[in-house]
Amino acid sequence: MLKNLVAKAFSSLAQRAVESAEANFGEGKGMAKKRFAINFVLARVPISGAFRPLLENILVELIDIAIESACKKIKS
């Protein structure tokens, strides 16, 4: 439940990340686009200092959910 709530919070940012990845990489290269999209979102999350690596590890899975949802929206 918490995962879905956080994923929804990231949904508009994830949408921009997926669109940007598609524009930069085009067709194919799924893993590269996914990594690009995750980095795109993480770069825009206001986390600083020593907590950043820890929170990034936690957020990656949640951001991934939002990115997968954005990919589905683009394809439909």
Protein backbone atom coordinates (compact mmCIF):
# COMPACT_ATOMS: atom_id res chain seq x y z
CA MET A 1 0.00 0.00 0.00
CA LEU A 2 2.76 2.44 0.93
CA LYS A 3 4.60 1.51 -2.26
CA ASN A 4 1.60 2.45 -4.38
CA LEU A 5 1.13 5.73 -2.52
CA VAL A 6 4.74 6.79 -3.05
CA ALA A 7 4.64 5.60 -6.66
CA LYS A 8 1.64 7.84 -7.27
CA ALA A 9 3.57 10.75 -5.77
CA PHE A 10 6.32 10.12 -8.30
CA SER A 11 3.98 9.52 -11.24
CA SER A 12 4.25 12.91 -12.99
CA LEU A 13 8.01 13.00 -12.52
CA ALA A 14 8.26 9.41 -13.74
CA GLN A 15 6.19 10.32 -16.80
CA ARG A 16 8.67 13.09 -17.67
CA ALA A 17 11.56 10.70 -17.04
CA VAL A 18 10.16 8.07 -19.39
CA GLU A 19 9.42 10.63 -22.10
CA SER A 20 12.94 11.99 -21.79
CA ALA A 21 14.45 8.49 -21.91
CA GLU A 22 12.42 7.68 -25.02
CA ALA A 23 13.59 10.90 -26.68
CA ASN A 24 17.24 10.21 -25.83
CA PHE A 25 17.40 6.48 -26.59
CA GLY A 26 14.58 5.76 -29.04
CA GLU A 27 13.47 2.16 -29.58
CA GLY A 28 15.04 -0.71 -27.69
CA LYS A 29 17.74 -0.34 -25.03
CA GLY A 30 15.22 -1.02 -22.26
CA MET A 31 17.67 -1.31 -19.37
CA ALA A 32 19.56 1.83 -20.38
CA LYS A 33 16.30 3.77 -20.60
CA LYS A 34 15.17 2.44 -17.23
CA ARG A 35 18.46 3.42 -15.57
CA PHE A 36 18.26 6.86 -17.23
CA ALA A 37 14.68 7.33 -15.97
CA ILE A 38 15.59 6.29 -12.42
CA ASN A 39 18.55 8.68 -12.39
CA PHE A 40 16.32 11.42 -13.85
CA VAL A 41 13.89 11.06 -10.93
CA LEU A 42 16.59 10.70 -8.25
CA ALA A 43 18.33 13.84 -9.49
CA ARG A 44 15.14 15.79 -8.83
CA VAL A 45 14.34 14.41 -5.36
CA PRO A 46 15.48 16.83 -2.66
CA ILE A 47 17.75 14.53 -0.64
CA SER A 48 21.07 15.69 0.67
CA GLY A 49 24.03 14.63 2.74
CA ALA A 50 24.76 11.26 4.23
CA PHE A 51 21.14 10.13 3.88
CA ARG A 52 21.18 10.27 0.07
CA PRO A 53 22.69 6.78 -0.62
CA LEU A 54 20.37 5.14 1.91
CA LEU A 55 17.24 6.85 0.67
CA GLU A 56 18.17 6.28 -2.97
CA ASN A 57 18.35 2.54 -2.33
CA ILE A 58 14.90 2.64 -0.76
CA LEU A 59 13.39 4.90 -3.40
CA VAL A 60 14.70 3.02 -6.45
CA GLU A 61 12.08 0.27 -6.11
CA LEU A 62 9.29 2.79 -5.60
CA ILE A 63 10.46 4.92 -8.51
CA ASP A 64 10.65 1.78 -10.62
CA ILE A 65 6.95 1.15 -9.97
CA ALA A 66 6.10 4.68 -11.08
CA ILE A 67 8.28 4.33 -14.20
CA GLU A 68 6.66 1.02 -15.17
CA SER A 69 3.25 2.66 -14.82
CA ALA A 70 4.37 5.60 -16.98
CA CYS A 71 5.66 3.19 -19.64
CA LYS A 72 2.29 1.46 -19.75
CA LYS A 73 0.53 4.82 -20.17
CA ILE A 74 2.80 5.78 -23.06
CA LYS A 75 2.29 2.45 -24.83
CA SER A 76 -1.50 2.55 -24.52
